[in-house]
Amino acid sequence: MYEKLVTFEEEKRKEHLYLLFNSIFICASLMTVFETVFKFPLLMFSGIQNSSVKWFITTLLNPVCSSGAALFPFLIYNIRQQTPFKDKLKASKDKASPFWYVFGIISVICIVPVSVYGGQLFCDFLIGQGYELSEKLPDMGEGIVANVFYAIYTSAISAFLLELAFRGVVCHKLSYASTALAIILPSLISALYAYSFVKIPYLFVSGLIISWCYLKTKSLYLTMTMNFAANVSFCVTLLLRENTDLLPLSVICAVISLVAFAVLAVKNGLKVKYPEPKNEDEKYERLTKKEAFFGPFKSFAFWIFVFIFLFQVFFTYLDKPMPSTDDSAGQTQSGTLVEEGM
């Protein structure tokens, strides 16, 4: 038998790909660790008795702490890669026309209701099977003023910080290796970071659209605006679902979203081109379809990230208590959806 000869370039390429996936998933794994650290300041205000003051302070700090924790490991990675954000945020770098903003925003706003509806159906299914969900849905306060403030403020902070992490670092870096992974992985990581079956569908689906738009335009201003619009749409959907049947609204919005995205795809082309490599390292990172599929699974950090997600779900989010019999009615108690303010 003959051993396959491996050239120096192939060895160097494999080394770069190994470092690429592991670096990204190590950063993704560290998000949970940093979230615990970043949320220590919130403990200082846990003893406040006035509920309105406590809600206001929590609303101000929570999105900064949570989104900042997600950005921090990628910020360190970005500094090590010597690709500062200030270059990506220059106004001259924004190549997105108003056409992109209009149809991009419509596509993500309208995809949210159907995604939330699907997530809620899955939660209802789990509850019907006897599970209890510690669903951390946002506490948007009492009254229209509080609702508007929460939706705009938290959506803006989250959009700015998370887009720097997931599109500015993950999507940008993966675009040299595989355009498909550059669209899917940042969307998947951002969705799983939420640890919420209600939020995961909308974050993942809207993330796919936002990642595609970023690769087509390279505009973080566009993706931040789209992320902000998707988050506001999520808040509005939560408010509407209390007194509105989401199914008809979801169907109508899904059709509008597909039409808006189709307009973008037809006008600008669906396929995303690989960016030109800026240095010798980036030219080694381009993957074949087979390598793009199996690459993440060969990364040890990927399995660490999966383990952290499953641990969070099964030990802090999802629970199926032992069935107990009601002595008076002789019936088994069912699971409930427990909502907690963020």
Protein backbone atom coordinates (compact mmCIF):
# COMPACT_ATOMS: atom_id res chain seq x y z
CA MET A 1 0.00 0.00 0.00
CA TYR A 2 1.13 3.53 -0.74
CA GLU A 3 0.87 6.41 1.69
CA LYS A 4 -0.70 9.56 0.35
CA LEU A 5 1.85 12.33 0.10
CA VAL A 6 0.83 15.56 1.77
CA THR A 7 2.35 18.77 0.45
CA PHE A 8 3.57 21.62 2.64
CA GLU A 9 0.70 23.81 1.48
CA GLU A 10 -1.88 21.16 2.41
CA GLU A 11 -0.35 20.76 5.86
CA LYS A 12 -0.33 24.52 6.41
CA ARG A 13 -3.90 24.77 5.19
CA LYS A 14 -5.08 22.06 7.60
CA GLU A 15 -3.32 23.82 10.44
CA HIS A 16 -5.06 27.11 9.68
CA LEU A 17 -8.46 25.45 9.42
CA TYR A 18 -7.91 23.64 12.72
CA LEU A 19 -7.08 26.92 14.43
CA LEU A 20 -9.99 28.70 12.75
CA PHE A 21 -12.76 26.41 14.02
CA ASN A 22 -11.26 25.91 17.45
CA SER A 23 -10.72 29.64 17.98
CA ILE A 24 -14.31 30.48 17.07
CA PHE A 25 -15.89 27.75 19.20
CA ILE A 26 -13.59 28.48 22.16
CA CYS A 27 -14.86 32.06 22.03
CA ALA A 28 -18.43 30.77 21.78
CA SER A 29 -17.88 28.52 24.80
CA LEU A 30 -16.48 31.40 26.84
CA MET A 31 -19.61 33.50 26.32
CA THR A 32 -21.43 31.68 29.13
CA VAL A 33 -18.48 32.09 31.48
CA PHE A 34 -18.20 35.81 30.81
CA GLU A 35 -21.97 36.26 31.15
CA THR A 36 -21.74 35.05 34.76
CA VAL A 37 -18.89 37.47 35.43
CA PHE A 38 -20.47 40.42 33.62
CA LYS A 39 -23.75 40.03 35.52
CA PHE A 40 -22.15 40.44 38.95
CA PRO A 41 -23.01 44.20 38.95
CA LEU A 42 -26.70 43.28 38.83
CA LEU A 43 -26.39 41.61 42.26
CA MET A 44 -25.70 45.02 43.79
CA PHE A 45 -29.26 46.08 43.00
CA SER A 46 -31.04 42.84 43.90
CA GLY A 47 -32.09 44.20 47.28
CA ILE A 48 -33.94 47.25 45.94
CA GLN A 49 -37.50 47.22 47.27
CA ASN A 50 -39.05 49.63 44.79
CA SER A 51 -40.11 47.42 41.87
CA SER A 52 -40.16 50.28 39.34
CA VAL A 53 -36.63 51.43 40.20
CA LYS A 54 -35.37 47.86 40.21
CA TRP A 55 -36.94 47.19 36.79
CA PHE A 56 -35.40 50.37 35.34
CA ILE A 57 -31.88 49.60 36.60
CA THR A 58 -32.12 45.96 35.50
CA THR A 59 -33.36 47.03 32.07
CA LEU A 60 -30.42 49.43 31.71
CA LEU A 61 -27.73 46.96 32.79
CA ASN A 62 -28.95 43.56 31.64
CA PRO A 63 -28.53 43.98 27.84
CA VAL A 64 -25.12 45.62 28.33
CA CYS A 65 -23.92 42.77 30.56
CA SER A 66 -25.38 39.95 28.47
CA SER A 67 -24.38 41.30 25.04
CA GLY A 68 -21.03 42.54 26.35
CA ALA A 69 -20.28 39.04 27.63
CA ALA A 70 -20.98 37.64 24.17
CA LEU A 71 -18.77 40.22 22.49
CA PHE A 72 -15.82 40.11 24.90
CA PRO A 73 -14.17 36.79 23.84
CA PHE A 74 -14.60 37.67 20.16
CA LEU A 75 -13.19 41.13 20.84
CA ILE A 76 -10.03 39.53 22.24
CA TYR A 77 -9.87 37.21 19.23
CA ASN A 78 -10.32 40.15 16.88
CA ILE A 79 -7.49 42.07 18.55
CA ARG A 80 -5.22 39.04 18.20
CA GLN A 81 -6.12 38.89 14.52
CA GLN A 82 -5.25 42.60 14.19
CA THR A 83 -8.54 43.49 12.50
CA PRO A 84 -9.90 46.45 14.50
CA PHE A 85 -13.62 47.21 14.40
CA LYS A 86 -13.01 50.87 13.65
CA ASP A 87 -12.03 49.98 10.08
CA LYS A 88 -15.29 48.08 9.57
CA LEU A 89 -17.37 50.89 11.05
CA LYS A 90 -16.03 53.68 8.84
CA ALA A 91 -18.84 55.38 6.94
CA SER A 92 -16.89 54.93 3.70
CA LYS A 93 -17.07 51.15 4.20
CA ASP A 94 -20.88 51.14 4.13
CA LYS A 95 -21.77 49.96 0.63
CA ALA A 96 -25.39 49.15 1.37
CA SER A 97 -27.91 51.23 -0.55
CA PRO A 98 -31.31 52.28 0.90
CA PHE A 99 -32.76 49.39 -1.13
CA TRP A 100 -30.92 46.94 1.14
CA TYR A 101 -32.14 48.67 4.27
CA VAL A 102 -35.81 48.72 3.21
CA PHE A 103 -36.14 45.13 2.02
CA GLY A 104 -33.67 43.75 4.55
CA ILE A 105 -35.60 45.24 7.45
CA ILE A 106 -38.93 44.02 6.05
CA SER A 107 -37.57 40.49 5.63
CA VAL A 108 -36.39 40.17 9.25
CA ILE A 109 -39.31 42.02 10.86
CA CYS A 110 -41.85 39.79 9.16
CA ILE A 111 -40.03 36.51 9.77
CA VAL A 112 -40.12 36.99 13.55
CA PRO A 113 -43.84 36.29 14.28
CA VAL A 114 -43.89 32.93 12.50
CA SER A 115 -40.60 31.95 14.20
CA VAL A 116 -41.94 32.86 17.64
CA TYR A 117 -45.18 31.03 16.87
CA GLY A 118 -43.23 27.89 15.94
CA GLY A 119 -41.11 28.16 19.09
CA GLN A 120 -44.21 28.55 21.24
CA LEU A 121 -45.80 25.46 19.65
CA PHE A 122 -42.70 23.45 20.53
CA CYS A 123 -42.83 24.76 24.12
CA ASP A 124 -46.52 23.83 24.33
CA PHE A 125 -45.66 20.34 23.09
CA LEU A 126 -43.02 19.91 25.80
CA ILE A 127 -45.42 21.18 28.45
CA GLY A 128 -48.00 18.70 27.24
CA GLN A 129 -45.42 15.96 27.81
CA GLY A 130 -45.05 16.99 31.44
CA TYR A 131 -41.97 19.22 31.21
CA GLU A 132 -41.47 22.50 33.03
CA LEU A 133 -39.66 25.31 31.21
CA SER A 134 -37.90 28.14 33.00
CA GLU A 135 -38.53 30.47 30.08
CA LYS A 136 -36.73 33.76 30.59
CA LEU A 137 -38.92 36.02 28.51
CA PRO A 138 -38.31 39.75 28.87
CA ASP A 139 -40.06 41.82 31.49
CA MET A 140 -41.08 44.83 29.40
CA GLY A 141 -42.59 46.70 32.32
CA GLU A 142 -46.04 48.13 32.87
CA GLY A 143 -47.56 50.60 30.42
CA ILE A 144 -46.90 51.66 26.86
CA VAL A 145 -44.03 54.02 27.79
CA ALA A 146 -42.15 51.24 29.58
CA ASN A 147 -42.83 48.82 26.72
CA VAL A 148 -41.50 51.26 24.10
CA PHE A 149 -38.43 52.15 26.19
CA TYR A 150 -37.60 48.48 26.78
CA ALA A 151 -38.05 47.48 23.13
CA ILE A 152 -35.95 50.34 21.72
CA TYR A 153 -33.19 50.46 24.33
CA THR A 154 -32.52 46.74 24.74
CA SER A 155 -32.84 46.11 21.00
CA ALA A 156 -30.34 48.87 20.18
CA ILE A 157 -27.72 47.74 22.73
CA SER A 158 -28.03 44.08 21.75
CA ALA A 159 -27.93 44.84 18.03
CA PHE A 160 -24.77 46.95 18.26
CA LEU A 161 -22.73 44.64 20.50
CA LEU A 162 -23.87 41.30 19.09
CA GLU A 163 -23.40 42.32 15.48
CA LEU A 164 -19.81 43.24 16.22
CA ALA A 165 -19.34 39.71 17.54
CA PHE A 166 -21.35 37.52 15.20
CA ARG A 167 -21.13 39.36 11.90
CA GLY A 168 -18.07 41.53 12.51
CA VAL A 169 -15.92 38.61 13.68
CA VAL A 170 -17.48 35.16 13.13
CA CYS A 171 -19.21 35.76 9.80
CA HIS A 172 -16.34 37.84 8.44
CA LYS A 173 -13.66 35.33 9.41
CA LEU A 174 -15.58 32.28 8.14
CA SER A 175 -16.35 33.98 4.82
CA TYR A 176 -12.81 33.19 3.66
CA ALA A 177 -13.31 29.48 4.41
CA SER A 178 -16.93 28.78 3.44
CA THR A 179 -19.75 31.17 2.61
CA ALA A 180 -22.29 28.57 3.79
CA LEU A 181 -20.63 28.28 7.20
CA ALA A 182 -20.32 32.06 7.37
CA ILE A 183 -24.11 32.25 7.11
CA ILE A 184 -25.04 29.28 9.32
CA LEU A 185 -22.55 29.19 12.22
CA PRO A 186 -22.89 32.77 13.54
CA SER A 187 -26.67 32.41 13.33
CA LEU A 188 -26.56 29.09 15.19
CA ILE A 189 -24.18 30.33 17.90
CA SER A 190 -26.22 33.48 18.54
CA ALA A 191 -29.45 31.47 18.71
CA LEU A 192 -28.13 28.81 21.09
CA TYR A 193 -26.63 31.49 23.33
CA ALA A 194 -30.20 32.53 24.23
CA TYR A 195 -31.06 29.15 25.85
CA SER A 196 -34.72 29.69 25.03
CA PHE A 197 -36.93 27.56 22.79
CA VAL A 198 -39.10 30.61 22.13
CA LYS A 199 -36.14 32.76 21.06
CA ILE A 200 -33.98 30.19 19.23
CA PRO A 201 -36.14 29.95 16.05
CA TYR A 202 -36.39 33.72 15.52
CA LEU A 203 -32.72 34.34 16.31
CA PHE A 204 -31.57 31.57 13.98
CA VAL A 205 -33.83 32.39 11.02
CA SER A 206 -33.32 36.15 11.22
CA GLY A 207 -29.59 35.49 11.71
CA LEU A 208 -29.44 33.58 8.42
CA ILE A 209 -30.92 36.55 6.58
CA ILE A 210 -28.69 39.05 8.36
CA SER A 211 -25.54 36.99 7.69
CA TRP A 212 -26.40 36.72 4.01
CA CYS A 213 -26.93 40.47 3.79
CA TYR A 214 -23.60 41.08 5.49
CA LEU A 215 -21.73 38.88 3.04
CA LYS A 216 -23.38 40.67 0.13
CA THR A 217 -22.75 44.21 1.41
CA LYS A 218 -20.02 43.95 4.11
CA SER A 219 -22.01 46.59 5.98
CA LEU A 220 -22.23 46.29 9.77
CA TYR A 221 -24.51 49.33 9.79
CA LEU A 222 -27.02 47.36 7.72
CA THR A 223 -26.85 44.27 9.93
CA MET A 224 -27.11 46.33 13.12
CA THR A 225 -30.24 48.00 11.77
CA MET A 226 -31.72 44.64 10.76
CA ASN A 227 -30.87 43.10 14.14
CA PHE A 228 -32.46 46.05 15.90
CA ALA A 229 -35.61 45.69 13.78
CA ALA A 230 -35.81 41.94 14.49
CA ASN A 231 -35.47 42.49 18.24
CA VAL A 232 -38.18 45.17 18.27
CA SER A 233 -40.41 42.88 16.23
CA PHE A 234 -39.84 40.14 18.82
CA CYS A 235 -40.93 42.45 21.65
CA VAL A 236 -44.03 43.53 19.72
CA THR A 237 -44.87 39.89 18.97
CA LEU A 238 -44.68 39.01 22.67
CA LEU A 239 -47.08 41.85 23.48
CA LEU A 240 -49.48 40.87 20.69
CA ARG A 241 -49.62 37.18 21.54
CA GLU A 242 -51.39 37.91 24.83
CA ASN A 243 -54.56 39.09 23.07
CA THR A 244 -54.05 38.06 19.44
CA ASP A 245 -54.09 34.79 17.53
CA LEU A 246 -50.57 34.66 16.08
CA LEU A 247 -51.33 32.06 13.41
CA PRO A 248 -53.01 34.34 10.80
CA LEU A 249 -50.52 37.13 11.51
CA SER A 250 -47.61 34.69 11.24
CA VAL A 251 -48.74 33.36 7.85
CA ILE A 252 -49.20 36.84 6.41
CA CYS A 253 -45.87 38.08 7.76
CA ALA A 254 -44.03 34.96 6.53
CA VAL A 255 -45.28 35.58 2.99
CA ILE A 256 -44.21 39.24 3.14
CA SER A 257 -40.77 38.23 4.46
CA LEU A 258 -40.25 35.69 1.67
CA VAL A 259 -41.29 38.23 -0.96
CA ALA A 260 -38.92 40.88 0.47
CA PHE A 261 -36.00 38.44 0.59
CA ALA A 262 -36.82 37.21 -2.93
CA VAL A 263 -36.64 40.79 -4.20
CA LEU A 264 -33.18 41.16 -2.66
CA ALA A 265 -32.02 37.82 -4.06
CA VAL A 266 -33.35 38.46 -7.58
CA LYS A 267 -31.87 41.95 -7.79
CA ASN A 268 -28.50 41.13 -6.26
CA GLY A 269 -28.12 37.40 -6.86
CA LEU A 270 -28.49 34.69 -4.25
CA LYS A 271 -24.96 33.33 -4.48
CA VAL A 272 -22.31 34.86 -2.25
CA LYS A 273 -18.79 35.28 -3.63
CA TYR A 274 -15.67 34.54 -1.64
CA PRO A 275 -13.75 37.67 -0.62
CA GLU A 276 -10.27 38.10 -1.99
CA PRO A 277 -7.65 36.93 0.54
CA LYS A 278 -5.75 39.79 2.14
CA ASN A 279 -2.72 37.71 3.17
CA GLU A 280 -1.06 34.33 2.76
CA ASP A 281 -2.96 32.79 5.68
CA GLU A 282 -6.44 33.48 4.33
CA LYS A 283 -5.82 31.74 1.02
CA TYR A 284 -5.27 28.46 2.88
CA GLU A 285 -8.63 28.65 4.62
CA ARG A 286 -11.00 28.04 1.71
CA LEU A 287 -12.95 24.81 2.20
CA THR A 288 -14.50 22.29 -0.14
CA LYS A 289 -18.15 21.38 0.51
CA LYS A 290 -17.07 18.16 2.22
CA GLU A 291 -14.58 19.95 4.44
CA ALA A 292 -17.14 22.63 5.30
CA PHE A 293 -19.59 19.96 6.46
CA PHE A 294 -17.18 17.86 8.52
CA GLY A 295 -14.87 20.67 9.66
CA PRO A 296 -16.83 21.86 12.72
CA PHE A 297 -17.38 18.29 13.93
CA LYS A 298 -13.62 17.72 13.97
CA SER A 299 -13.10 20.68 16.28
CA PHE A 300 -12.79 19.75 19.96
CA ALA A 301 -14.08 23.20 20.92
CA PHE A 302 -17.28 22.55 18.95
CA TRP A 303 -18.13 19.63 21.26
CA ILE A 304 -17.34 21.75 24.30
CA PHE A 305 -19.82 24.34 23.05
CA VAL A 306 -22.45 21.63 22.43
CA PHE A 307 -21.88 20.21 25.92
CA ILE A 308 -22.31 23.66 27.51
CA PHE A 309 -25.55 24.21 25.60
CA LEU A 310 -26.99 20.81 26.56
CA PHE A 311 -25.93 21.30 30.17
CA GLN A 312 -27.66 24.68 30.32
CA VAL A 313 -30.83 23.28 28.75
CA PHE A 314 -31.20 20.14 30.85
CA PHE A 315 -29.97 21.53 34.17
CA THR A 316 -31.21 25.12 34.21
CA TYR A 317 -33.97 25.39 31.60
CA LEU A 318 -35.81 22.12 31.08
CA ASP A 319 -37.11 19.92 33.85
CA LYS A 320 -39.47 16.96 34.04
CA PRO A 321 -40.40 16.36 37.66
CA MET A 322 -41.68 13.04 38.90
CA PRO A 323 -45.45 12.79 38.34
CA SER A 324 -47.42 13.41 41.51
CA THR A 325 -51.01 12.37 42.11
CA ASP A 326 -53.59 14.85 43.31
CA ASP A 327 -55.31 13.02 46.17
CA SER A 328 -58.56 14.91 45.71
CA ALA A 329 -58.88 14.54 41.94
CA GLY A 330 -56.68 11.51 41.36
CA GLN A 331 -55.03 13.18 38.35
CA THR A 332 -51.39 13.70 37.42
CA GLN A 333 -50.11 17.25 37.47
CA SER A 334 -48.87 18.58 34.12
CA GLY A 335 -45.86 20.71 33.30
CA THR A 336 -46.07 24.48 33.24
CA LEU A 337 -44.26 27.28 31.47
CA VAL A 338 -42.51 29.39 34.05
CA GLU A 339 -41.72 32.88 32.78
CA GLU A 340 -39.05 34.93 34.45
CA GLY A 341 -38.11 38.51 33.72
CA MET A 342 -34.71 39.08 32.18
